[in-house]
Amino acid sequence: MNKELLEHSLSFNRRKFLSKLSLGIGSVALGSLLIPDLFSGKPDEEALMAGLPHFAPKAKRIIYLFQNGAPSQLDLFDYKPKLQEMFGQDLPESIRMGQRLTGMTADQKKFPLAGTVFNFKQYGKHGAWFSELLPHIAAVSDDLCIVKSMYTEAINHDPALTFFQTGAQVGNRPSMGSWLSYGLGSENKNLPAFCVLLSKGSGNGQGVYSKLWTNGFLDSIHQGVQFSSGDNPVLYLNNPESISKDDRRKMLDKINALNAESFKEFGDPEINTKIQQYEMAFRMQTAVPEITDMSKEPESIVKLYGPECLVPGTYAANCLLARKLSENGVRFVQLYHQGWDGHNNLPGEIKGQCKDVDQASAALITDLKQRGLLDETLVIWGGEFGRTNYCQGALSKDNYGRDHHPRCFTIWMAGGGVKPGVYGETDDFGYNIIQDKVHVNDFHATVLNLMGLNHEELTYKHLGRRYRLTDVAGKVIDGIIA
């Protein structure tokens, strides 16, 4: 933006808006909807520039398929014949190097190596290895960027999960979706910029909680909106019985008038955020039922995702809903699927989990691609850390458990400007990274880059300090960007 245009734009600030447009609450509410940050209390230039990328983005939207509980990379993506050869032998100390352990295996005297019981094959032009448990995902391997060299410091679920979602191991920080809502805004004023979907598989689950999609210290308009599987996908959205749409409109106008008086007296920007939220909820009353109605999906789509896509709350249904939300301009769709915590009977539990997610995950890629949306939609699949190459507890040929392993694990991405192929490598034991490490901060920096945002510039001043998703670390991984 050139200097003259910026100066002209800044001359239209919130004080002049309120003084010149003295038309009562209608003008105030309209202004807050047309320029969401007009009353936020930010410096005028910062408010004006919100919603604009720092440079041309490769992706417009994100669908994050988070596999909560930590899928075993060794049973799904990271094929290690060495573990089969050394089955039952103790993990060499030269490989473990005194790594920090969880309380579940810290008292083990031995660490017996456990090779996977599942067969692996190479797929696609990049020769990526996939377990027999993921035939559908393997079939779209040429669209995937498989990162085998992710790592984190967090060794337990809560801090690791919170770190992936918010860039910090403690709570009360804005989540990824909130940062993107703050930085880029929404593409559809009738839907939130950030939506959250939950599903649960048959395996051992780890909980998810609202702090993972919190707005933290950002304005509350940036908080994730959770969709449920019940009759009312968004709670408290529908009008009570005997209340008509006109009645709701009149009620909102009265509430907005009271909020405007409160803002005039106290100047709290959160008051105007409430006006935005009330108006958004009013518009969502029409948009949400249409988005969540699967009855109009053609038989070909149902066949692609599998019959469970018609059962609300399943992983398949949420993948289809994620496509519909993204297609309609939702900036960030976060899907959490619970059940991957494979401490015991991992071979048995992981079969069920893969059956839940394999077809629908691949279908999402195919569906986006055939609609011409994959190039502008970044799809991410992965958990909070990996699984150990040694067995937790007793080991047998067809039964083992794996403990948490933050030193190396696998995620994959597709579309949205990523380069298909395999990035990074682990050692023959699948225990340490030997090539192209990717830290969680680097992952965040790269995702923001794909969305046209410089992670060092996307900041928010809170309690005297400027915060960002990547805190004081992170570098863009150019090797995975097309």
Protein backbone atom coordinates (compact mmCIF):
# COMPACT_ATOMS: atom_id res chain seq x y z
CA MET A 1 0.00 0.00 0.00
CA ASN A 2 1.57 3.38 -1.07
CA LYS A 3 1.98 6.22 1.40
CA GLU A 4 -0.81 8.44 -0.01
CA LEU A 5 -3.37 5.61 0.00
CA LEU A 6 -2.38 4.59 3.53
CA GLU A 7 -2.70 8.16 4.81
CA HIS A 8 -6.10 8.52 3.17
CA SER A 9 -7.26 5.21 4.63
CA LEU A 10 -6.02 6.06 8.09
CA SER A 11 -7.87 9.38 8.02
CA PHE A 12 -11.06 7.30 8.23
CA ASN A 13 -10.54 6.10 11.76
CA ARG A 14 -12.90 4.94 14.45
CA ARG A 15 -13.28 8.39 16.05
CA LYS A 16 -14.39 9.96 12.77
CA PHE A 17 -16.62 6.99 12.06
CA LEU A 18 -18.50 7.53 15.31
CA SER A 19 -18.67 11.32 14.95
CA LYS A 20 -19.66 11.50 11.27
CA LEU A 21 -22.04 8.55 11.12
CA SER A 22 -24.30 9.67 13.96
CA LEU A 23 -27.11 7.35 12.97
CA GLY A 24 -27.38 5.42 16.22
CA ILE A 25 -26.84 1.72 16.86
CA GLY A 26 -27.51 0.77 13.23
CA SER A 27 -24.34 2.54 12.11
CA VAL A 28 -22.30 1.19 14.98
CA ALA A 29 -23.36 -2.41 14.33
CA LEU A 30 -22.88 -2.01 10.58
CA GLY A 31 -19.43 -0.57 11.04
CA SER A 32 -18.38 -3.41 13.31
CA LEU A 33 -19.52 -5.92 10.70
CA LEU A 34 -17.92 -4.23 7.71
CA ILE A 35 -14.64 -3.49 9.51
CA PRO A 36 -14.37 -6.09 12.32
CA ASP A 37 -11.36 -4.46 13.97
CA LEU A 38 -12.73 -0.92 13.75
CA PHE A 39 -13.48 -0.78 17.48
CA SER A 40 -10.83 -3.18 18.69
CA GLY A 41 -8.63 -0.58 20.32
CA LYS A 42 -5.68 -1.49 18.09
CA PRO A 43 -3.56 1.24 16.51
CA ASP A 44 -5.40 2.49 13.42
CA GLU A 45 -2.86 1.12 10.92
CA GLU A 46 -2.86 -2.29 12.61
CA ALA A 47 -6.66 -2.44 12.49
CA LEU A 48 -6.70 -1.42 8.84
CA MET A 49 -4.14 -4.00 7.77
CA ALA A 50 -5.73 -6.94 9.63
CA GLY A 51 -7.06 -9.51 7.20
CA LEU A 52 -4.33 -8.95 4.62
CA PRO A 53 -1.53 -11.49 4.02
CA HIS A 54 2.06 -10.31 4.17
CA PHE A 55 2.76 -11.77 0.72
CA ALA A 56 1.02 -13.86 -1.91
CA PRO A 57 -0.25 -17.04 -0.22
CA LYS A 58 -0.04 -20.54 -1.64
CA ALA A 59 -3.04 -21.69 0.41
CA LYS A 60 -6.27 -19.93 1.35
CA ARG A 61 -7.63 -22.40 3.88
CA ILE A 62 -6.51 -25.23 6.18
CA ILE A 63 -8.12 -28.51 7.22
CA TYR A 64 -6.16 -30.03 10.11
CA LEU A 65 -6.95 -33.70 10.74
CA PHE A 66 -5.41 -34.06 14.19
CA GLN A 67 -4.94 -37.68 15.29
CA ASN A 68 -5.13 -37.26 19.04
CA GLY A 69 -3.14 -39.74 21.13
CA ALA A 70 -0.11 -40.14 18.82
CA PRO A 71 -0.30 -42.67 15.96
CA SER A 72 2.61 -45.11 15.76
CA GLN A 73 4.79 -43.98 12.87
CA LEU A 74 6.58 -47.35 12.96
CA ASP A 75 3.35 -49.22 12.23
CA LEU A 76 2.08 -46.78 9.59
CA PHE A 77 4.76 -44.82 7.71
CA ASP A 78 8.34 -45.31 8.93
CA TYR A 79 9.35 -48.80 7.79
CA LYS A 80 12.35 -50.21 9.70
CA PRO A 81 13.40 -53.79 8.78
CA LYS A 82 16.14 -53.52 11.43
CA LEU A 83 13.51 -53.79 14.14
CA GLN A 84 12.27 -57.05 12.66
CA GLU A 85 15.81 -58.43 12.56
CA MET A 86 16.46 -57.48 16.19
CA PHE A 87 13.01 -58.36 17.54
CA GLY A 88 13.12 -58.74 21.33
CA GLN A 89 16.72 -57.54 21.69
CA ASP A 90 17.43 -54.62 23.98
CA LEU A 91 17.62 -51.14 22.47
CA PRO A 92 21.34 -50.21 22.37
CA GLU A 93 22.27 -47.49 24.83
CA SER A 94 24.23 -45.82 22.01
CA ILE A 95 20.92 -45.24 20.25
CA ARG A 96 18.84 -44.27 23.28
CA MET A 97 21.56 -41.95 24.65
CA GLY A 98 19.81 -41.49 27.96
CA GLN A 99 16.70 -39.95 26.48
CA ARG A 100 14.08 -38.76 28.93
CA LEU A 101 11.36 -41.39 29.48
CA THR A 102 7.80 -41.19 30.71
CA GLY A 103 6.81 -42.56 34.10
CA MET A 104 5.31 -45.56 32.33
CA THR A 105 8.65 -46.98 31.17
CA ALA A 106 11.22 -45.17 33.32
CA ASP A 107 11.47 -48.16 35.67
CA GLN A 108 11.93 -50.75 32.89
CA LYS A 109 15.26 -52.56 33.08
CA LYS A 110 15.11 -53.64 29.45
CA PHE A 111 13.78 -51.97 26.31
CA PRO A 112 12.96 -54.86 23.93
CA LEU A 113 12.77 -53.79 20.29
CA ALA A 114 9.40 -54.39 18.65
CA GLY A 115 9.19 -54.51 14.89
CA THR A 116 5.76 -53.99 13.36
CA VAL A 117 3.51 -56.97 12.68
CA PHE A 118 2.10 -55.26 9.59
CA ASN A 119 3.36 -55.50 6.03
CA PHE A 120 4.73 -52.47 4.20
CA LYS A 121 4.90 -51.59 0.51
CA GLN A 122 6.21 -48.67 -1.51
CA TYR A 123 3.75 -46.50 -3.43
CA GLY A 124 3.81 -43.74 -6.01
CA LYS A 125 6.57 -42.06 -7.91
CA HIS A 126 8.37 -41.12 -4.69
CA GLY A 127 8.46 -44.69 -3.39
CA ALA A 128 6.93 -43.76 -0.04
CA TRP A 129 6.43 -46.65 2.40
CA PHE A 130 2.94 -47.34 3.74
CA SER A 131 1.54 -49.96 6.05
CA GLU A 132 -1.12 -52.38 4.82
CA LEU A 133 -3.41 -50.60 7.30
CA LEU A 134 -3.61 -47.50 5.08
CA PRO A 135 -4.42 -48.65 1.53
CA HIS A 136 -6.56 -45.62 0.68
CA ILE A 137 -4.04 -43.05 1.90
CA ALA A 138 -1.29 -44.97 0.12
CA ALA A 139 -3.30 -44.69 -3.10
CA VAL A 140 -3.06 -40.86 -2.98
CA SER A 141 0.61 -40.87 -1.98
CA ASP A 142 1.63 -38.77 -4.98
CA ASP A 143 -0.35 -35.87 -3.48
CA LEU A 144 1.27 -36.16 -0.04
CA CYS A 145 4.24 -34.44 1.53
CA ILE A 146 5.30 -36.98 4.17
CA VAL A 147 7.46 -35.45 6.90
CA LYS A 148 9.26 -38.21 8.81
CA SER A 149 11.45 -35.93 10.88
CA MET A 150 9.08 -34.08 13.19
CA TYR A 151 10.15 -33.66 16.81
CA THR A 152 9.07 -31.93 20.01
CA GLU A 153 10.32 -31.55 23.59
CA ALA A 154 6.98 -32.42 25.17
CA ILE A 155 6.76 -36.05 26.30
CA ASN A 156 3.22 -36.21 27.71
CA HIS A 157 -0.07 -35.76 25.91
CA ASP A 158 -1.43 -32.56 27.41
CA PRO A 159 1.64 -30.35 26.91
CA ALA A 160 2.44 -31.92 23.54
CA LEU A 161 -1.07 -31.49 22.22
CA THR A 162 -1.31 -27.96 23.59
CA PHE A 163 2.06 -27.12 22.03
CA PHE A 164 0.95 -28.28 18.58
CA GLN A 165 -2.28 -26.33 18.78
CA THR A 166 -1.11 -23.10 20.43
CA GLY A 167 2.68 -22.91 20.15
CA ALA A 168 3.08 -23.21 23.94
CA GLN A 169 2.98 -26.15 26.34
CA VAL A 170 0.81 -24.24 28.81
CA GLY A 171 -2.73 -23.05 28.22
CA ASN A 172 -4.31 -19.64 27.60
CA ARG A 173 -2.47 -18.95 24.35
CA PRO A 174 -4.34 -18.43 21.07
CA SER A 175 -4.65 -21.54 18.95
CA MET A 176 -3.49 -21.84 15.34
CA GLY A 177 -6.99 -21.25 14.05
CA SER A 178 -7.35 -18.14 16.20
CA TRP A 179 -4.07 -16.73 14.91
CA LEU A 180 -5.20 -17.29 11.32
CA SER A 181 -8.60 -15.74 12.03
CA TYR A 182 -6.83 -12.74 13.56
CA GLY A 183 -4.30 -12.47 10.74
CA LEU A 184 -6.52 -13.14 7.74
CA GLY A 185 -10.15 -12.86 8.82
CA SER A 186 -12.99 -14.80 7.28
CA GLU A 187 -13.88 -15.44 3.64
CA ASN A 188 -17.56 -15.92 4.47
CA LYS A 189 -19.30 -13.48 6.80
CA ASN A 190 -22.07 -16.01 7.43
CA LEU A 191 -19.71 -18.57 8.96
CA PRO A 192 -16.93 -18.40 11.55
CA ALA A 193 -13.34 -18.23 10.35
CA PHE A 194 -12.43 -21.12 12.70
CA CYS A 195 -14.52 -24.27 13.22
CA VAL A 196 -13.84 -27.35 15.38
CA LEU A 197 -15.08 -30.93 14.83
CA LEU A 198 -14.68 -33.86 17.25
CA SER A 199 -14.78 -37.63 16.70
CA LYS A 200 -13.70 -40.65 18.70
CA GLY A 201 -12.43 -44.03 17.55
CA SER A 202 -12.44 -47.40 19.25
CA GLY A 203 -8.92 -47.18 20.64
CA ASN A 204 -7.56 -45.80 23.89
CA GLY A 205 -8.51 -42.13 23.88
CA GLN A 206 -6.98 -38.95 25.22
CA GLY A 207 -9.22 -36.02 26.03
CA VAL A 208 -9.58 -32.82 24.09
CA TYR A 209 -10.71 -29.60 25.70
CA SER A 210 -11.70 -26.08 24.77
CA LYS A 211 -8.31 -24.57 25.61
CA LEU A 212 -7.07 -26.15 22.37
CA TRP A 213 -9.29 -23.88 20.27
CA THR A 214 -9.27 -20.86 22.56
CA ASN A 215 -8.69 -17.30 21.38
CA GLY A 216 -6.41 -16.73 24.39
CA PHE A 217 -5.65 -13.03 24.64
CA LEU A 218 -7.00 -12.28 21.15
CA ASP A 219 -10.50 -10.87 20.75
CA SER A 220 -13.10 -13.55 21.45
CA ILE A 221 -14.45 -13.33 17.89
CA HIS A 222 -11.38 -15.44 16.97
CA GLN A 223 -12.28 -18.41 19.20
CA GLY A 224 -13.03 -21.71 17.45
CA VAL A 225 -16.71 -22.59 17.11
CA GLN A 226 -17.35 -26.23 18.01
CA PHE A 227 -19.80 -28.24 15.92
CA SER A 228 -21.51 -31.18 17.62
CA SER A 229 -23.14 -34.32 16.24
CA GLY A 230 -26.55 -33.69 17.82
CA ASP A 231 -29.70 -32.18 16.38
CA ASN A 232 -28.24 -28.73 16.99
CA PRO A 233 -24.72 -28.71 15.45
CA VAL A 234 -23.92 -25.37 17.11
CA LEU A 235 -25.33 -25.09 20.62
CA TYR A 236 -27.70 -22.24 21.47
CA LEU A 237 -27.85 -21.12 17.84
CA ASN A 238 -31.53 -21.90 17.19
CA ASN A 239 -34.32 -19.69 18.40
CA PRO A 240 -36.35 -20.96 21.37
CA GLU A 241 -39.88 -22.15 20.69
CA SER A 242 -42.35 -19.33 20.01
CA ILE A 243 -39.51 -16.94 19.07
CA SER A 244 -39.59 -16.00 15.38
CA LYS A 245 -36.73 -14.72 13.25
CA ASP A 246 -38.23 -11.22 13.38
CA ASP A 247 -38.46 -11.44 17.16
CA ARG A 248 -34.79 -12.45 17.33
CA ARG A 249 -33.86 -9.53 15.06
CA LYS A 250 -35.69 -7.05 17.28
CA MET A 251 -34.10 -8.54 20.41
CA LEU A 252 -30.62 -8.28 18.91
CA ASP A 253 -31.20 -4.66 17.94
CA LYS A 254 -32.13 -3.87 21.54
CA ILE A 255 -29.12 -5.77 22.92
CA ASN A 256 -26.84 -4.06 20.42
CA ALA A 257 -28.19 -0.67 21.48
CA LEU A 258 -27.38 -1.45 25.12
CA ASN A 259 -23.92 -2.69 24.15
CA ALA A 260 -23.32 0.49 22.18
CA GLU A 261 -24.17 2.57 25.25
CA SER A 262 -21.78 0.45 27.31
CA PHE A 263 -19.04 0.94 24.75
CA LYS A 264 -19.61 4.69 24.76
CA GLU A 265 -19.20 4.73 28.55
CA PHE A 266 -16.37 2.23 29.05
CA GLY A 267 -14.61 1.97 25.67
CA ASP A 268 -14.03 -1.77 26.11
CA PRO A 269 -13.40 -3.28 22.64
CA GLU A 270 -14.77 -6.63 23.83
CA ILE A 271 -18.23 -5.03 23.93
CA ASN A 272 -18.13 -4.51 20.18
CA THR A 273 -16.86 -8.03 19.76
CA LYS A 274 -20.12 -9.13 21.38
CA ILE A 275 -22.04 -7.19 18.73
CA GLN A 276 -20.11 -9.03 16.04
CA GLN A 277 -20.78 -12.38 17.69
CA TYR A 278 -24.52 -11.77 18.03
CA GLU A 279 -24.73 -10.77 14.38
CA MET A 280 -22.66 -13.76 13.29
CA ALA A 281 -24.93 -16.11 15.24
CA PHE A 282 -27.97 -14.56 13.58
CA ARG A 283 -26.54 -15.17 10.11
CA MET A 284 -25.37 -18.66 11.05
CA GLN A 285 -28.98 -19.65 11.75
CA THR A 286 -29.43 -19.87 7.99
CA ALA A 287 -25.94 -20.96 6.94
CA VAL A 288 -25.29 -23.82 9.40
CA PRO A 289 -28.34 -26.02 8.65
CA GLU A 290 -27.53 -25.86 4.96
CA ILE A 291 -23.85 -26.73 5.51
CA THR A 292 -24.58 -29.65 7.84
CA ASP A 293 -27.28 -31.18 5.62
CA MET A 294 -25.71 -34.25 4.00
CA SER A 295 -28.89 -35.42 2.25
CA LYS A 296 -28.03 -33.53 -0.92
CA GLU A 297 -24.63 -35.15 -1.33
CA PRO A 298 -24.58 -37.41 -4.43
CA GLU A 299 -24.17 -41.15 -4.12
CA SER A 300 -20.66 -40.87 -5.61
CA ILE A 301 -19.54 -38.75 -2.66
CA VAL A 302 -21.08 -41.11 -0.11
CA LYS A 303 -19.29 -44.00 -1.80
CA LEU A 304 -16.02 -42.04 -1.81
CA TYR A 305 -16.06 -41.26 1.93
CA GLY A 306 -17.83 -44.45 2.98
CA PRO A 307 -21.31 -44.96 4.45
CA GLU A 308 -20.28 -43.59 7.86
CA CYS A 309 -20.11 -40.12 6.32
CA LEU A 310 -23.89 -40.03 6.79
CA VAL A 311 -23.57 -40.75 10.53
CA PRO A 312 -23.07 -37.42 12.36
CA GLY A 313 -20.04 -37.30 14.65
CA THR A 314 -18.01 -39.99 12.88
CA TYR A 315 -14.60 -39.24 11.44
CA ALA A 316 -15.93 -39.75 7.91
CA ALA A 317 -18.86 -37.39 8.49
CA ASN A 318 -16.50 -34.77 9.92
CA CYS A 319 -14.14 -35.07 6.93
CA LEU A 320 -17.06 -34.44 4.59
CA LEU A 321 -18.29 -31.58 6.76
CA ALA A 322 -14.75 -30.15 6.80
CA ARG A 323 -14.77 -30.11 3.00
CA LYS A 324 -18.13 -28.34 2.95
CA LEU A 325 -17.03 -25.76 5.52
CA SER A 326 -13.75 -25.14 3.71
CA GLU A 327 -15.52 -24.94 0.35
CA ASN A 328 -17.75 -22.25 1.83
CA GLY A 329 -14.86 -20.10 2.98
CA VAL A 330 -14.09 -21.22 6.53
CA ARG A 331 -10.45 -20.31 7.01
CA PHE A 332 -9.41 -23.06 9.44
CA VAL A 333 -11.22 -26.33 10.14
CA GLN A 334 -9.77 -28.31 13.04
CA LEU A 335 -10.80 -31.96 13.32
CA TYR A 336 -9.75 -33.96 16.40
CA HIS A 337 -9.98 -37.76 16.24
CA GLN A 338 -9.34 -39.52 19.56
CA GLY A 339 -8.17 -43.08 20.18
CA TRP A 340 -4.50 -43.39 19.14
CA ASP A 341 -2.91 -43.89 22.57
CA GLY A 342 -1.36 -47.31 21.93
CA HIS A 343 0.27 -48.30 25.22
CA ASN A 344 -1.28 -51.77 25.22
CA ASN A 345 -2.52 -54.10 22.49
CA LEU A 346 -1.39 -51.65 19.85
CA PRO A 347 -1.80 -54.06 16.89
CA GLY A 348 -5.43 -54.69 17.78
CA GLU A 349 -6.38 -51.09 18.50
CA ILE A 350 -4.58 -49.52 15.55
CA LYS A 351 -6.51 -51.68 13.09
CA GLY A 352 -9.76 -50.12 14.25
CA GLN A 353 -8.34 -46.61 14.21
CA CYS A 354 -7.02 -46.99 10.67
CA LYS A 355 -10.35 -48.40 9.52
CA ASP A 356 -11.98 -45.24 10.92
CA VAL A 357 -9.67 -42.74 9.23
CA ASP A 358 -8.04 -44.30 6.15
CA GLN A 359 -10.80 -44.09 3.56
CA ALA A 360 -12.19 -40.74 4.68
CA SER A 361 -8.75 -39.05 4.87
CA ALA A 362 -7.93 -40.13 1.33
CA ALA A 363 -11.45 -39.24 0.17
CA LEU A 364 -10.98 -35.69 1.43
CA ILE A 365 -7.85 -35.33 -0.71
CA THR A 366 -9.60 -36.79 -3.76
CA ASP A 367 -12.75 -34.73 -3.21
CA LEU A 368 -10.86 -31.45 -2.89
CA LYS A 369 -8.77 -32.31 -5.93
CA GLN A 370 -11.72 -33.11 -8.18
CA ARG A 371 -13.37 -29.83 -7.16
CA GLY A 372 -10.24 -27.84 -7.98
CA LEU A 373 -9.80 -26.89 -4.33
CA LEU A 374 -6.75 -28.91 -3.26
CA ASP A 375 -4.22 -26.42 -4.63
CA GLU A 376 -5.62 -23.70 -2.36
CA THR A 377 -6.45 -25.91 0.65
CA LEU A 378 -3.73 -27.21 2.96
CA VAL A 379 -4.63 -30.55 4.53
CA ILE A 380 -2.58 -31.69 7.55
CA TRP A 381 -2.68 -35.17 9.17
CA GLY A 382 -0.77 -36.15 12.31
CA GLY A 383 -0.58 -36.39 16.10
CA GLU A 384 1.27 -34.75 18.98
CA PHE A 385 4.35 -37.04 19.02
CA GLY A 386 5.39 -40.53 17.97
CA ARG A 387 5.76 -44.00 19.49
CA THR A 388 8.80 -45.86 20.78
CA ASN A 389 10.55 -48.62 18.84
CA TYR A 390 10.69 -50.69 22.03
CA CYS A 391 7.82 -52.37 23.81
CA GLN A 392 6.16 -51.00 26.90
CA GLY A 393 5.56 -53.96 29.19
CA ALA A 394 5.47 -57.57 28.01
CA LEU A 395 6.38 -58.33 24.40
CA SER A 396 5.09 -61.08 22.15
CA LYS A 397 5.23 -61.63 18.40
CA ASP A 398 1.72 -60.35 17.78
CA ASN A 399 1.12 -58.07 20.75
CA TYR A 400 3.02 -55.06 22.03
CA GLY A 401 2.52 -51.55 23.29
CA ARG A 402 4.57 -48.46 22.54
CA ASP A 403 5.29 -45.53 24.84
CA HIS A 404 5.47 -41.84 23.89
CA HIS A 405 8.35 -40.83 21.65
CA PRO A 406 8.88 -37.11 20.97
CA ARG A 407 12.28 -37.46 19.25
CA CYS A 408 10.91 -38.38 15.84
CA PHE A 409 7.54 -38.98 14.29
CA THR A 410 5.65 -38.61 11.02
CA ILE A 411 2.97 -36.26 9.77
CA TRP A 412 1.76 -35.65 6.25
CA MET A 413 0.37 -32.68 4.37
CA ALA A 414 -1.29 -32.25 1.00
CA GLY A 415 -2.27 -29.42 -1.33
CA GLY A 416 -1.87 -25.77 -0.39
CA GLY A 417 1.60 -25.31 -1.87
CA VAL A 418 3.46 -28.24 -0.32
CA LYS A 419 5.87 -30.35 -2.34
CA PRO A 420 4.80 -34.01 -2.70
CA GLY A 421 7.39 -36.56 -1.62
CA VAL A 422 9.20 -37.67 1.52
CA TYR A 423 11.03 -35.15 3.69
CA GLY A 424 13.45 -36.10 6.47
CA GLU A 425 14.77 -39.46 7.63
CA THR A 426 15.28 -41.39 10.84
CA ASP A 427 17.95 -43.91 11.77
CA ASP A 428 17.67 -47.67 11.19
CA PHE A 429 16.03 -48.05 14.60
CA GLY A 430 13.42 -45.35 13.96
CA TYR A 431 14.59 -43.64 17.15
CA ASN A 432 16.58 -40.54 16.13
CA ILE A 433 16.40 -38.11 13.22
CA ILE A 434 19.41 -38.25 10.93
CA GLN A 435 18.29 -35.80 8.23
CA ASP A 436 16.21 -32.59 7.99
CA LYS A 437 14.80 -32.05 11.47
CA VAL A 438 11.46 -30.22 11.73
CA HIS A 439 10.52 -28.79 15.11
CA VAL A 440 6.94 -27.86 16.01
CA ASN A 441 7.91 -24.18 15.82
CA ASP A 442 9.26 -24.79 12.30
CA PHE A 443 6.01 -26.52 11.37
CA HIS A 444 4.01 -23.50 12.54
CA ALA A 445 6.29 -21.07 10.72
CA THR A 446 5.93 -23.07 7.50
CA VAL A 447 2.14 -23.37 7.74
CA LEU A 448 1.82 -19.60 8.27
CA ASN A 449 4.16 -19.03 5.32
CA LEU A 450 1.95 -21.14 3.07
CA MET A 451 -0.97 -18.92 4.13
CA GLY A 452 0.96 -15.79 3.15
CA LEU A 453 1.99 -14.81 6.69
CA ASN A 454 5.44 -14.09 8.08
CA HIS A 455 5.48 -15.81 11.47
CA GLU A 456 7.76 -13.11 12.89
CA GLU A 457 5.36 -10.34 11.88
CA LEU A 458 2.07 -11.94 12.93
CA THR A 459 2.15 -10.60 16.49
CA TYR A 460 -0.18 -9.31 19.18
CA LYS A 461 0.78 -7.06 22.05
CA HIS A 462 -0.44 -8.37 25.41
CA LEU A 463 0.64 -7.26 28.89
CA GLY A 464 3.50 -5.26 27.45
CA ARG A 465 4.95 -8.03 25.29
CA ARG A 466 4.44 -8.94 21.66
CA TYR A 467 3.41 -12.59 21.27
CA ARG A 468 3.35 -14.82 18.21
CA LEU A 469 2.44 -18.43 17.42
CA THR A 470 6.12 -19.42 17.12
CA ASP A 471 7.14 -17.51 20.30
CA VAL A 472 10.85 -16.69 19.80
CA ALA A 473 11.77 -19.63 17.56
CA GLY A 474 10.81 -21.31 14.30
CA LYS A 475 12.11 -21.23 10.75
CA VAL A 476 10.32 -21.85 7.47
CA ILE A 477 11.18 -25.27 6.00
CA ASP A 478 11.72 -24.40 2.35
CA GLY A 479 12.27 -28.07 1.44
CA ILE A 480 8.57 -28.89 1.77
CA ILE A 481 7.26 -25.85 -0.12
CA ALA A 482 6.55 -26.31 -3.82
